[in-house]
Amino acid sequence: MKNIKKLSKELKNLDIDLEIDDFGMGYSSFYRIIQLDFNTIKIDKTMIDLVLENKKAQSIIRHIINMSHSLGVKTLAKGVENKNQLELLKLFGCDYIQGYYISKPLPFEELKEFIKQQNSTHPNP
């Protein structure tokens, strides 16, 4: 684990963003948060699937977001599929989302067109 910790610091020093993926499942544990130097915690889709109807899932997600912010890192919710999930995650302070609510996976050429369309519809200030 020492080599991974050293490597994560070296990558961060090179301005390479690191993310802890699938947080809340499998090997993405609190131990990883302590050991690694990273920028974002990605909350696993299985948690997001439960967020609307399960109070325990809501509490856990809120705490993951608050913990992340207290550590100075961003949060990303994976698998957001509808506006109600998005609105609740916004209320909790989640920084980013990904999922079918935004778009299905796209081939590169379609992705470029999607980004162009989004930029023309929502220009940056």
C-alpha atoms as a PDB file:
ATOM      1  CA  MET A   1       0.000   0.000   0.000  1.00  0.00           C
ATOM      2  CA  LYS A   2       2.937   2.319   0.583  1.00  0.00           C
ATOM      3  CA  ASN A   3       3.750   2.383  -3.138  1.00  0.00           C
ATOM      4  CA  ILE A   4       0.143   3.273  -4.023  1.00  0.00           C
ATOM      5  CA  LYS A   5       0.155   6.116  -1.505  1.00  0.00           C
ATOM      6  CA  LYS A   6       3.413   7.454  -2.942  1.00  0.00           C
ATOM      7  CA  LEU A   7       2.144   7.088  -6.509  1.00  0.00           C
ATOM      8  CA  SER A   8      -1.113   8.924  -5.716  1.00  0.00           C
ATOM      9  CA  LYS A   9       0.874  11.864  -4.302  1.00  0.00           C
ATOM     10  CA  GLU A  10       3.169  11.937  -7.343  1.00  0.00           C
ATOM     11  CA  LEU A  11       0.212  11.940  -9.726  1.00  0.00           C
ATOM     12  CA  LYS A  12      -1.509  14.716  -7.801  1.00  0.00           C
ATOM     13  CA  ASN A  13       1.726  16.746  -7.925  1.00  0.00           C
ATOM     14  CA  LEU A  14       1.520  16.411 -11.727  1.00  0.00           C
ATOM     15  CA  ASP A  15      -2.009  17.925 -11.607  1.00  0.00           C
ATOM     16  CA  ILE A  16      -3.617  14.591 -12.460  1.00  0.00           C
ATOM     17  CA  ASP A  17      -6.991  14.242 -10.767  1.00  0.00           C
ATOM     18  CA  LEU A  18      -7.627  10.985  -8.940  1.00  0.00           C
ATOM     19  CA  GLU A  19     -11.026   9.613  -7.973  1.00  0.00           C
ATOM     20  CA  ILE A  20     -12.138   6.924  -5.576  1.00  0.00           C
ATOM     21  CA  ASP A  21     -14.645   4.998  -7.679  1.00  0.00           C
ATOM     22  CA  ASP A  22     -17.694   3.048  -6.481  1.00  0.00           C
ATOM     23  CA  PHE A  23     -17.461   4.424  -2.942  1.00  0.00           C
ATOM     24  CA  GLY A  24     -19.665   2.439  -0.616  1.00  0.00           C
ATOM     25  CA  MET A  25     -19.087  -0.875  -2.398  1.00  0.00           C
ATOM     26  CA  GLY A  26     -16.353  -3.515  -2.500  1.00  0.00           C
ATOM     27  CA  TYR A  27     -12.793  -2.275  -2.077  1.00  0.00           C
ATOM     28  CA  SER A  28     -13.623   1.449  -1.941  1.00  0.00           C
ATOM     29  CA  SER A  29     -13.383   1.805   1.815  1.00  0.00           C
ATOM     30  CA  PHE A  30     -12.586   4.426   4.430  1.00  0.00           C
ATOM     31  CA  TYR A  31      -9.071   2.995   4.524  1.00  0.00           C
ATOM     32  CA  ARG A  32      -8.575   4.139   0.909  1.00  0.00           C
ATOM     33  CA  ILE A  33      -9.630   7.649   1.884  1.00  0.00           C
ATOM     34  CA  ILE A  34      -7.000   7.749   4.610  1.00  0.00           C
ATOM     35  CA  GLN A  35      -4.212   6.299   2.473  1.00  0.00           C
ATOM     36  CA  LEU A  36      -4.677   7.976  -0.908  1.00  0.00           C
ATOM     37  CA  ASP A  37      -4.345  11.538  -2.140  1.00  0.00           C
ATOM     38  CA  PHE A  38      -7.376  12.127  -4.396  1.00  0.00           C
ATOM     39  CA  ASN A  39      -9.767  14.790  -5.712  1.00  0.00           C
ATOM     40  CA  THR A  40     -13.195  13.149  -5.954  1.00  0.00           C
ATOM     41  CA  ILE A  41     -15.290  10.459  -4.322  1.00  0.00           C
ATOM     42  CA  LYS A  42     -17.684   8.781  -6.757  1.00  0.00           C
ATOM     43  CA  ILE A  43     -20.778   7.465  -4.964  1.00  0.00           C
ATOM     44  CA  ASP A  44     -21.796   4.088  -6.325  1.00  0.00           C
ATOM     45  CA  LYS A  45     -24.958   3.739  -8.428  1.00  0.00           C
ATOM     46  CA  THR A  46     -26.413   1.148  -6.063  1.00  0.00           C
ATOM     47  CA  MET A  47     -26.690   3.868  -3.414  1.00  0.00           C
ATOM     48  CA  ILE A  48     -28.169   6.369  -5.876  1.00  0.00           C
ATOM     49  CA  ASP A  49     -30.799   3.811  -6.952  1.00  0.00           C
ATOM     50  CA  LEU A  50     -32.117   3.834  -3.362  1.00  0.00           C
ATOM     51  CA  VAL A  51     -31.923   7.563  -2.659  1.00  0.00           C
ATOM     52  CA  LEU A  52     -35.578   8.440  -3.310  1.00  0.00           C
ATOM     53  CA  GLU A  53     -37.290   5.792  -1.206  1.00  0.00           C
ATOM     54  CA  ASN A  54     -34.765   4.719   1.417  1.00  0.00           C
ATOM     55  CA  LYS A  55     -34.111   7.007   4.395  1.00  0.00           C
ATOM     56  CA  LYS A  56     -30.970   5.086   5.383  1.00  0.00           C
ATOM     57  CA  ALA A  57     -29.511   5.532   1.891  1.00  0.00           C
ATOM     58  CA  GLN A  58     -30.352   9.243   2.028  1.00  0.00           C
ATOM     59  CA  SER A  59     -28.572   9.602   5.350  1.00  0.00           C
ATOM     60  CA  ILE A  60     -25.497   7.705   4.170  1.00  0.00           C
ATOM     61  CA  ILE A  61     -25.265   9.720   0.950  1.00  0.00           C
ATOM     62  CA  ARG A  62     -25.633  13.020   2.840  1.00  0.00           C
ATOM     63  CA  HIS A  63     -22.857  11.939   5.205  1.00  0.00           C
ATOM     64  CA  ILE A  64     -20.569  10.842   2.355  1.00  0.00           C
ATOM     65  CA  ILE A  65     -21.040  14.258   0.730  1.00  0.00           C
ATOM     66  CA  ASN A  66     -20.432  16.123   4.015  1.00  0.00           C
ATOM     67  CA  MET A  67     -17.392  13.967   4.817  1.00  0.00           C
ATOM     68  CA  SER A  68     -15.965  14.539   1.343  1.00  0.00           C
ATOM     69  CA  HIS A  69     -16.370  18.292   1.618  1.00  0.00           C
ATOM     70  CA  SER A  70     -14.776  18.314   5.075  1.00  0.00           C
ATOM     71  CA  LEU A  71     -11.782  16.509   3.509  1.00  0.00           C
ATOM     72  CA  GLY A  72     -11.627  19.127   0.745  1.00  0.00           C
ATOM     73  CA  VAL A  73     -12.692  16.793  -2.067  1.00  0.00           C
ATOM     74  CA  LYS A  74     -15.631  16.792  -4.491  1.00  0.00           C
ATOM     75  CA  THR A  75     -18.426  14.245  -4.814  1.00  0.00           C
ATOM     76  CA  LEU A  76     -19.879  12.671  -7.931  1.00  0.00           C
ATOM     77  CA  ALA A  77     -23.080  10.600  -7.934  1.00  0.00           C
ATOM     78  CA  LYS A  78     -23.047   7.780 -10.485  1.00  0.00           C
ATOM     79  CA  GLY A  79     -26.162   6.449 -12.180  1.00  0.00           C
ATOM     80  CA  VAL A  80     -28.492   9.446 -11.837  1.00  0.00           C
ATOM     81  CA  GLU A  81     -31.502   8.558 -13.973  1.00  0.00           C
ATOM     82  CA  ASN A  82     -34.184  11.135 -13.208  1.00  0.00           C
ATOM     83  CA  LYS A  83     -34.862  14.698 -12.130  1.00  0.00           C
ATOM     84  CA  ASN A  84     -36.036  13.696  -8.634  1.00  0.00           C
ATOM     85  CA  GLN A  85     -32.694  12.022  -7.906  1.00  0.00           C
ATOM     86  CA  LEU A  86     -30.865  15.071  -9.279  1.00  0.00           C
ATOM     87  CA  GLU A  87     -32.864  17.506  -7.157  1.00  0.00           C
ATOM     88  CA  LEU A  88     -32.310  15.507  -3.964  1.00  0.00           C
ATOM     89  CA  LEU A  89     -28.567  15.203  -4.652  1.00  0.00           C
ATOM     90  CA  LYS A  90     -28.380  18.956  -5.286  1.00  0.00           C
ATOM     91  CA  LEU A  91     -30.142  19.519  -1.955  1.00  0.00           C
ATOM     92  CA  PHE A  92     -27.517  17.307  -0.273  1.00  0.00           C
ATOM     93  CA  GLY A  93     -24.713  19.366  -1.883  1.00  0.00           C
ATOM     94  CA  CYS A  94     -23.413  16.797  -4.380  1.00  0.00           C
ATOM     95  CA  ASP A  95     -20.917  18.468  -6.726  1.00  0.00           C
ATOM     96  CA  TYR A  96     -21.313  16.413  -9.917  1.00  0.00           C
ATOM     97  CA  ILE A  97     -23.562  13.773 -11.403  1.00  0.00           C
ATOM     98  CA  GLN A  98     -23.282  11.280 -14.204  1.00  0.00           C
ATOM     99  CA  GLY A  99     -25.927   9.017 -15.630  1.00  0.00           C
ATOM    100  CA  TYR A 100     -28.685   8.578 -18.161  1.00  0.00           C
ATOM    101  CA  TYR A 101     -30.498  11.677 -16.897  1.00  0.00           C
ATOM    102  CA  ILE A 102     -27.758  13.696 -18.619  1.00  0.00           C
ATOM    103  CA  SER A 103     -27.058  11.327 -21.514  1.00  0.00           C
ATOM    104  CA  LYS A 104     -26.566   7.710 -22.439  1.00  0.00           C
ATOM    105  CA  PRO A 105     -22.978   6.755 -23.343  1.00  0.00           C
ATOM    106  CA  LEU A 106     -22.108   8.276 -26.721  1.00  0.00           C
ATOM    107  CA  PRO A 107     -19.597   7.513 -29.456  1.00  0.00           C
ATOM    108  CA  PHE A 108     -16.901  10.192 -29.715  1.00  0.00           C
ATOM    109  CA  GLU A 109     -18.407  12.075 -32.686  1.00  0.00           C
ATOM    110  CA  GLU A 110     -21.842  12.207 -31.057  1.00  0.00           C
ATOM    111  CA  LEU A 111     -20.240  13.314 -27.797  1.00  0.00           C
ATOM    112  CA  LYS A 112     -18.552  16.246 -29.534  1.00  0.00           C
ATOM    113  CA  GLU A 113     -21.905  17.303 -30.999  1.00  0.00           C
ATOM    114  CA  PHE A 114     -23.629  16.883 -27.609  1.00  0.00           C
ATOM    115  CA  ILE A 115     -21.025  19.112 -25.934  1.00  0.00           C
ATOM    116  CA  LYS A 116     -21.350  21.749 -28.672  1.00  0.00           C
ATOM    117  CA  GLN A 117     -25.112  21.744 -28.229  1.00  0.00           C
ATOM    118  CA  GLN A 118     -24.822  22.026 -24.434  1.00  0.00           C
ATOM    119  CA  ASN A 119     -22.319  24.883 -24.731  1.00  0.00           C
ATOM    120  CA  SER A 120     -24.601  26.818 -27.087  1.00  0.00           C
ATOM    121  CA  THR A 121     -27.645  26.225 -24.860  1.00  0.00           C
ATOM    122  CA  HIS A 122     -25.827  26.936 -21.562  1.00  0.00           C
ATOM    123  CA  PRO A 123     -22.885  29.295 -22.265  1.00  0.00           C
ATOM    124  CA  ASN A 124     -20.361  29.887 -19.488  1.00  0.00           C
ATOM    125  CA  PRO A 125     -20.435  33.372 -17.948  1.00  0.00           C
END
